[in-house]
Protein backbone atom coordinates (compact mmCIF):
# COMPACT_ATOMS: atom_id res chain seq x y z
CA UNK A 1 140.27 56.51 -71.38
CA UNK A 2 137.39 55.97 -73.80
CA UNK A 3 136.76 52.48 -72.45
CA UNK A 4 136.53 53.84 -68.92
CA UNK A 5 134.14 56.54 -70.07
CA UNK A 6 131.98 53.94 -71.78
CA UNK A 7 131.87 51.87 -68.61
CA UNK A 8 130.80 54.90 -66.60
CA UNK A 9 127.97 55.84 -68.94
CA UNK A 10 124.63 55.56 -67.26
CA UNK A 11 122.30 52.99 -68.74
CA UNK A 12 118.75 53.74 -69.80
CA UNK A 13 116.64 52.99 -66.70
CA UNK A 14 113.83 51.22 -68.60
CA UNK A 15 113.97 47.88 -70.34
CA UNK A 16 111.73 45.06 -71.52
CA UNK A 17 110.89 44.02 -67.96
CA UNK A 18 109.20 47.37 -67.36
CA UNK A 19 106.76 46.46 -70.11
CA UNK A 20 106.15 42.83 -69.16
CA UNK A 21 106.57 43.23 -65.41
CA UNK A 22 104.72 46.50 -64.79
CA UNK A 23 102.92 48.05 -67.77
CA UNK A 24 101.12 44.94 -69.06
CA UNK A 25 99.99 43.70 -65.59
CA UNK A 26 98.95 47.22 -64.63
CA UNK A 27 97.18 47.67 -67.95
CA UNK A 28 95.36 44.35 -67.67
CA UNK A 29 94.21 45.25 -64.16
CA UNK A 30 92.98 48.65 -65.36
CA UNK A 31 91.27 47.11 -68.39
CA UNK A 32 89.64 44.38 -66.29
CA UNK A 33 88.00 46.75 -63.83
CA UNK A 34 87.10 49.18 -66.65
CA UNK A 35 85.28 46.38 -68.50
CA UNK A 36 83.41 45.44 -65.33
CA UNK A 37 82.51 49.05 -64.51
CA UNK A 38 81.27 49.63 -68.06
CA UNK A 39 79.12 46.49 -67.98
CA UNK A 40 77.89 47.27 -64.47
CA UNK A 41 76.77 50.76 -65.44
CA UNK A 42 75.26 50.03 -68.86
CA UNK A 43 73.76 46.60 -68.17
CA UNK A 44 73.23 46.44 -64.40
CA UNK A 45 72.46 50.10 -63.57
CA UNK A 46 75.12 50.35 -60.87
CA UNK A 47 75.34 53.85 -59.43
CA UNK A 48 78.99 53.81 -58.34
CA UNK A 49 81.61 52.92 -60.97
CA UNK A 50 84.82 54.68 -59.83
CA UNK A 51 87.16 53.76 -62.70
CA UNK A 52 84.61 54.47 -65.42
CA UNK A 53 83.79 57.80 -63.76
CA UNK A 54 87.45 58.83 -63.51
CA UNK A 55 88.11 57.98 -67.15
CA UNK A 56 85.06 60.01 -68.15
CA UNK A 57 86.17 63.00 -66.08
CA UNK A 58 89.71 63.14 -67.45
CA UNK A 59 89.02 62.07 -71.02
CA UNK A 60 90.05 64.95 -73.30
CA UNK A 61 87.19 66.49 -75.25
CA UNK A 62 87.19 69.70 -77.27
CA UNK A 63 84.47 72.32 -77.01
CA UNK A 64 82.80 71.01 -80.15
CA UNK A 65 82.98 67.46 -78.79
CA UNK A 66 85.87 66.59 -81.12
CA UNK A 67 89.08 65.12 -79.77
CA UNK A 68 91.99 67.53 -79.51
CA UNK A 69 95.28 66.00 -80.73
CA UNK A 70 97.54 67.51 -78.08
CA UNK A 71 95.14 66.73 -75.25
CA UNK A 72 94.68 63.20 -76.57
CA UNK A 73 98.45 62.57 -76.60
CA UNK A 74 98.78 64.01 -73.10
CA UNK A 75 95.89 61.83 -71.94
CA UNK A 76 97.47 58.67 -73.42
CA UNK A 77 100.83 59.44 -71.81
CA UNK A 78 99.12 60.11 -68.48
CA UNK A 79 97.26 56.79 -68.72
CA UNK A 80 100.53 54.95 -69.45
CA UNK A 81 102.16 56.64 -66.46
CA UNK A 82 99.24 55.72 -64.19
CA UNK A 83 99.28 52.13 -65.48
CA UNK A 84 103.04 51.96 -64.86
CA UNK A 85 102.59 53.11 -61.26
CA UNK A 86 99.71 50.66 -60.78
CA UNK A 87 101.97 47.93 -62.16
CA UNK A 88 104.57 48.70 -59.51
CA UNK A 89 101.92 48.53 -56.78
CA UNK A 90 100.68 45.19 -58.10
CA UNK A 91 104.27 43.91 -58.29
CA UNK A 92 104.86 44.94 -54.66
CA UNK A 93 101.70 43.15 -53.51
CA UNK A 94 102.64 40.16 -55.62
CA UNK A 95 106.15 39.98 -54.20
CA UNK A 96 104.95 40.20 -50.60
CA UNK A 97 101.90 37.94 -50.59
CA UNK A 98 103.07 35.35 -53.11
CA UNK A 99 106.85 35.29 -52.73
CA UNK A 100 107.29 36.18 -49.07
CA UNK A 101 104.21 34.52 -47.60
CA UNK A 102 102.87 31.74 -49.81
CA UNK A 103 106.17 30.50 -51.29
CA UNK A 104 108.73 31.31 -48.61
CA UNK A 105 106.56 30.65 -45.54
CA UNK A 106 104.20 28.04 -46.95
CA UNK A 107 106.78 26.17 -49.02
CA UNK A 108 110.53 26.08 -49.40
CA UNK A 109 111.98 28.27 -52.08
CA UNK A 110 112.22 26.08 -55.22
CA UNK A 111 115.99 25.45 -55.08
CA UNK A 112 115.78 24.41 -51.45
CA UNK A 113 112.73 22.21 -52.05
CA UNK A 114 114.50 20.49 -54.96
CA UNK A 115 117.56 19.76 -52.84
CA UNK A 116 115.61 18.59 -49.78
CA UNK A 117 112.87 16.79 -51.75
CA UNK A 118 110.46 17.17 -48.86
CA UNK A 119 107.55 19.53 -48.17
CA UNK A 120 107.64 22.17 -45.49
CA UNK A 121 105.64 20.73 -42.58
CA UNK A 122 106.12 23.35 -39.88
CA UNK A 123 103.03 24.74 -38.18
CA UNK A 124 103.66 28.11 -39.78
CA UNK A 125 103.78 26.58 -43.26
CA UNK A 126 100.60 24.58 -42.70
CA UNK A 127 98.93 27.69 -41.31
CA UNK A 128 99.77 29.74 -44.42
CA UNK A 129 98.33 27.03 -46.67
CA UNK A 130 95.13 26.84 -44.63
CA UNK A 131 94.76 30.63 -44.58
CA UNK A 132 95.19 30.74 -48.36
CA UNK A 133 92.23 28.39 -48.83
CA UNK A 134 90.18 30.05 -46.08
CA UNK A 135 90.66 33.52 -47.56
CA UNK A 136 89.67 32.38 -51.06
CA UNK A 137 86.67 30.42 -49.77
CA UNK A 138 85.54 33.38 -47.65
CA UNK A 139 85.95 35.84 -50.50
CA UNK A 140 84.21 33.49 -52.93
CA UNK A 141 81.34 32.99 -50.49
CA UNK A 142 81.06 36.74 -49.98
CA UNK A 143 80.87 37.24 -53.75
CA UNK A 144 78.27 34.49 -54.12
CA UNK A 145 76.11 35.95 -51.36
CA UNK A 146 76.46 39.47 -52.79
CA UNK A 147 75.40 38.25 -56.24
CA UNK A 148 72.47 36.36 -54.70
CA UNK A 149 71.48 39.46 -52.77
CA UNK A 150 71.72 41.47 -56.00
CA UNK A 151 69.56 38.95 -57.87
CA UNK A 152 66.90 39.06 -55.16
CA UNK A 153 66.97 42.84 -55.21
CA UNK A 154 66.28 42.91 -58.94
CA UNK A 155 63.55 40.27 -58.73
CA UNK A 156 61.59 40.72 -55.51
CA UNK A 157 63.18 43.96 -54.31
CA UNK A 158 63.68 42.76 -50.75
CA UNK A 159 67.18 43.99 -50.08
CA UNK A 160 66.25 45.36 -46.65
CA UNK A 161 65.89 41.89 -45.16
CA UNK A 162 67.91 41.90 -41.93
CA UNK A 163 68.83 38.24 -42.30
CA UNK A 164 70.67 38.91 -45.56
CA UNK A 165 72.59 41.77 -43.97
CA UNK A 166 73.68 39.53 -41.12
CA UNK A 167 74.79 36.75 -43.49
CA UNK A 168 76.74 39.22 -45.65
CA UNK A 169 78.35 40.72 -42.56
CA UNK A 170 79.46 37.30 -41.31
CA UNK A 171 80.97 36.49 -44.72
CA UNK A 172 82.77 39.84 -44.81
CA UNK A 173 84.11 39.33 -41.30
CA UNK A 174 85.42 35.94 -42.36
CA UNK A 175 87.32 37.63 -45.19
CA UNK A 176 88.90 40.19 -42.86
CA UNK A 177 89.76 37.62 -40.18
CA UNK A 178 91.43 35.29 -42.68
CA UNK A 179 93.34 38.27 -44.08
CA UNK A 180 94.59 39.21 -40.62
CA UNK A 181 95.60 35.59 -39.99
CA UNK A 182 98.11 35.93 -42.84
CA UNK A 183 100.29 38.04 -40.59
CA UNK A 184 100.17 35.55 -37.70
CA UNK A 185 101.17 32.22 -39.17
CA UNK A 186 103.46 30.66 -36.54
CA UNK A 187 100.72 28.56 -35.00
CA UNK A 188 98.26 26.25 -36.76
CA UNK A 189 94.79 26.86 -35.35
CA UNK A 190 92.41 23.89 -35.25
CA UNK A 191 89.81 25.54 -37.53
CA UNK A 192 92.50 25.86 -40.22
CA UNK A 193 93.35 22.15 -40.36
CA UNK A 194 90.56 21.17 -42.82
CA UNK A 195 91.61 24.01 -45.14
CA UNK A 196 95.24 22.92 -44.87
CA UNK A 197 94.22 19.40 -45.87
CA UNK A 198 92.39 20.78 -48.92
CA UNK A 199 95.48 22.76 -49.96
CA UNK A 200 97.81 19.77 -49.54
CA UNK A 201 95.42 17.49 -51.42
CA UNK A 202 95.17 19.69 -54.49
CA UNK A 203 98.85 20.66 -54.49
CA UNK A 204 99.82 16.98 -54.42
CA UNK A 205 97.47 16.22 -57.32
CA UNK A 206 98.96 19.12 -59.30
CA UNK A 207 102.52 17.93 -58.66
CA UNK A 208 101.57 14.48 -59.91
CA UNK A 209 99.96 15.89 -63.06
CA UNK A 210 102.62 18.47 -63.88
CA UNK A 211 105.55 16.44 -62.60
CA UNK A 212 107.36 19.45 -61.16
CA UNK A 213 109.30 17.36 -58.65
CA UNK A 214 111.17 15.35 -61.28
CA UNK A 215 113.53 16.17 -64.11
CA UNK A 216 116.85 16.51 -62.26
CA UNK A 217 119.02 13.41 -62.07
CA UNK A 218 120.81 12.30 -58.94
CA UNK A 219 124.15 13.01 -60.60
CA UNK A 220 123.27 16.65 -61.34
CA UNK A 221 121.89 17.12 -57.83
CA UNK A 222 125.04 15.56 -56.40
CA UNK A 223 127.32 17.84 -58.45
CA UNK A 224 125.34 20.91 -57.36
CA UNK A 225 125.71 19.93 -53.70
CA UNK A 226 129.45 19.53 -54.27
CA UNK A 227 129.45 22.98 -55.84
CA UNK A 228 127.73 24.43 -52.78
CA UNK A 229 130.18 22.78 -50.43
CA UNK A 230 133.44 23.42 -52.28
CA UNK A 231 132.76 26.70 -54.11
CA UNK A 232 130.28 28.47 -51.83
CA UNK A 233 131.18 26.73 -48.55
CA UNK A 234 127.57 25.89 -47.75
CA UNK A 235 126.52 22.83 -45.85
CA UNK A 236 123.30 20.85 -46.26
CA UNK A 237 121.83 22.23 -43.04
CA UNK A 238 122.58 25.84 -44.05
CA UNK A 239 120.52 26.23 -47.21
CA UNK A 240 119.65 29.91 -46.90
CA UNK A 241 118.49 32.19 -49.70
CA UNK A 242 122.15 33.13 -50.20
CA UNK A 243 122.67 29.95 -52.22
CA UNK A 244 120.35 31.32 -54.90
CA UNK A 245 122.03 34.72 -55.16
CA UNK A 246 125.57 33.33 -55.01
CA UNK A 247 124.68 30.69 -57.60
CA UNK A 248 123.32 33.43 -59.87
CA UNK A 249 126.49 35.50 -59.42
CA UNK A 250 128.62 32.43 -60.15
CA UNK A 251 126.74 31.80 -63.40
CA UNK A 252 126.93 35.47 -64.42
CA UNK A 253 130.72 35.38 -64.08
CA UNK A 254 131.22 32.02 -65.73
CA UNK A 255 128.62 32.11 -68.51
CA UNK A 256 127.00 35.42 -69.59
CA UNK A 257 125.00 33.56 -72.26
CA UNK A 258 123.37 31.39 -69.56
CA UNK A 259 122.41 34.54 -67.63
CA UNK A 260 120.41 35.71 -70.64
CA UNK A 261 118.36 32.52 -70.51
CA UNK A 262 117.94 32.91 -66.75
CA UNK A 263 116.77 36.50 -67.20
CA UNK A 264 114.24 35.31 -69.77
CA UNK A 265 112.80 32.71 -67.37
CA UNK A 266 112.79 35.27 -64.54
CA UNK A 267 110.87 37.79 -66.65
CA UNK A 268 108.37 35.12 -67.65
CA UNK A 269 107.62 33.93 -64.12
CA UNK A 270 107.52 37.49 -62.77
CA UNK A 271 105.13 38.42 -65.59
CA UNK A 272 102.85 35.49 -64.68
CA UNK A 273 103.02 36.29 -60.96
CA UNK A 274 102.15 39.96 -61.46
CA UNK A 275 99.32 39.11 -63.86
CA UNK A 276 97.93 36.68 -61.29
CA UNK A 277 97.97 39.43 -58.66
CA UNK A 278 96.45 41.98 -61.04
CA UNK A 279 93.47 39.77 -61.91
CA UNK A 280 93.04 38.79 -58.26
CA UNK A 281 92.90 42.43 -57.12
CA UNK A 282 90.43 43.07 -59.95
CA UNK A 283 88.30 40.22 -58.58
CA UNK A 284 88.32 41.82 -55.12
CA UNK A 285 87.40 45.20 -56.63
CA UNK A 286 84.46 43.69 -58.55
CA UNK A 287 83.24 41.78 -55.50
CA UNK A 288 83.20 44.94 -53.39
CA UNK A 289 81.44 46.81 -56.21
CA UNK A 290 78.68 44.19 -56.38
CA UNK A 291 78.30 44.20 -52.61
CA UNK A 292 78.06 47.98 -52.33
CA UNK A 293 75.87 48.66 -55.36
CA UNK A 294 73.45 45.86 -54.53
CA UNK A 295 72.37 47.93 -51.53
CA UNK A 296 71.73 51.04 -53.66
CA UNK A 297 69.10 49.74 -56.05
CA UNK A 298 66.10 52.04 -56.31
CA UNK A 299 62.47 51.23 -57.04
CA UNK A 300 62.62 53.00 -60.39
CA UNK A 301 65.25 50.88 -62.11
CA UNK A 302 65.16 47.35 -60.78
CA UNK A 303 62.57 46.17 -63.28
CA UNK A 304 64.44 47.56 -66.29
CA UNK A 305 67.39 45.14 -66.15
CA UNK A 306 67.66 41.87 -68.02
CA UNK A 307 68.36 38.95 -65.70
CA UNK A 308 70.84 37.47 -68.19
CA UNK A 309 72.95 40.63 -67.99
CA UNK A 310 72.93 40.34 -64.20
CA UNK A 311 74.22 36.78 -64.51
CA UNK A 312 76.98 37.84 -66.91
CA UNK A 313 78.00 40.71 -64.63
CA UNK A 314 78.14 38.32 -61.68
CA UNK A 315 80.33 35.87 -63.61
CA UNK A 316 82.91 38.47 -64.78
CA UNK A 317 84.62 38.63 -61.32
CA UNK A 318 84.64 34.81 -61.16
CA UNK A 319 86.38 34.76 -64.54
CA UNK A 320 89.04 37.14 -63.17
CA UNK A 321 89.53 34.85 -60.16
CA UNK A 322 89.95 31.77 -62.35
CA UNK A 323 92.45 33.58 -64.58
CA UNK A 324 94.44 34.66 -61.54
CA UNK A 325 94.65 31.07 -60.27
CA UNK A 326 95.81 29.87 -63.69
CA UNK A 327 98.55 32.49 -63.83
CA UNK A 328 99.55 31.66 -60.25
CA UNK A 329 100.03 28.02 -61.25
CA UNK A 330 101.88 29.17 -64.36
CA UNK A 331 104.17 31.32 -62.19
CA UNK A 332 105.14 28.50 -59.87
CA UNK A 333 105.63 26.06 -62.73
CA UNK A 334 108.05 28.47 -64.46
CA UNK A 335 109.74 29.41 -61.19
CA UNK A 336 110.18 25.83 -60.00
CA UNK A 337 110.24 23.75 -63.17
CA UNK A 338 112.38 25.97 -65.41
CA UNK A 339 114.13 28.86 -63.66
CA UNK A 340 115.33 27.14 -60.47
CA UNK A 341 116.19 23.86 -62.19
CA UNK A 342 118.17 25.75 -64.83
CA UNK A 343 120.24 27.40 -62.08
CA UNK A 344 121.00 24.01 -60.53
CA UNK A 345 121.88 22.39 -63.86
CA UNK A 346 124.03 25.31 -65.00
CA UNK A 347 125.99 25.49 -61.74
CA UNK A 348 126.49 21.73 -61.77
CA UNK A 349 127.68 21.83 -65.38
CA UNK A 350 130.03 24.79 -64.91
CA UNK A 351 131.43 23.28 -61.72
CA UNK A 352 131.99 19.95 -63.43
CA UNK A 353 133.69 21.66 -66.36
CA UNK A 354 135.97 23.71 -64.11
CA UNK A 355 136.83 20.60 -62.14
CA UNK A 356 137.69 18.75 -65.34
CA UNK A 357 139.92 21.57 -66.49
CA UNK A 358 141.74 21.60 -63.17
CA UNK A 359 142.15 17.83 -63.28
CA UNK A 360 143.60 18.01 -66.79
CA UNK A 361 146.05 20.68 -65.71
C-alpha cells in the first residue's frame, strides 16, 4: 500500500531544466536588452528605452529613497517570474524556427541524416536555407543602414533626407518579405538560389572542420538498422520521427543510467538553442531601437554625444548576433554530434547485448 502511495505522489513540477532551459535564457535576453537600453540612454541620448523605463517604473523605492526589504523581495520574485515567462516564449520561438523549420525542413533530423548520410536536397529544404541567409543579410543590412543613418544624424544632422528613408524602407521590406517566405518554403525561387549556395558552402566547410558526419562505425550503424527492423519494425524508407521517440523509450526501459546521460545532453543542446534564440531576439530589439530612435534626434542634443560611444552602441547588437550564431552552432553540434549519436550507439549496444543473451540461452 505504501509503495503504491509513493508511486502516486505528485512530483515537484520544477527541475534543473527550468533553470537552464528557461530562466537563464530569459535572464540573458532581459540583461542583454537592459544593457543596450542603459547604454543607449546614457551614452547615445535615445529617447525611447522601453525595458529601462519599465524597470525604473516598477523598481521599489521607499519614500526616503531607501530600499524597502519587503518590496525589494517582491520585486526580485516578480522579475524572476517575468524572466521565467520570457524564457518560455523564447523556448517556443526557438523550437518552432530552429527545430521545426531550419532543422526539420532544411535538414534531416540528426538521426535520420546519420543513417542516410546524405543532405536534404528537396526544393523546400533549399528554400529554407536560402531564406535563412536572406533574412540575416537583410536584417544585418537594415542594422548597418540604421547605424549609418544615426551616425549622419549626429554629425551633419541630415536625417530628413528622403533618399535615406527610401533606402531604409527597402531594407525593412526585405526583412519582412524574407520573414514571410519562411512560411512558404515548398518552392525554391530563383532569387534565393545564390543565398542557398552561400548556406551550403559554409555548412560544408563547418562539417569538414568539426567533423560532425563521422564518428560512428559501419558496424554500429548496421546494428542500429537491425534494431530498427527487428525491434521497432521500421524499414529504411520509413524513417519517421517515431524512430527517435521509440529509441528513447527503448533505452529508458533497458538502461536508466543511459537515460541520465541522454537527459544531460538534451538539456545542454536545449540550453544552447534557447540562448541562441534569446540573443538573436535581443539583436532584433536593438536594431529596431536604433532605427526608431535615429529618427528622433533633436537639434539640442546631437552635438553632445561622443562618436566613440555611438560606435560602441552600434556594435552591441552585432555582438549579440555573433553570440547567437555561436550558440546555434553549439546547439547543432551537441544535438548531432553527441545526443543523437549516443542514442544510436546505445540502442545498437543494448540490441547487441540482448541478442547475445538470447543466443546464449
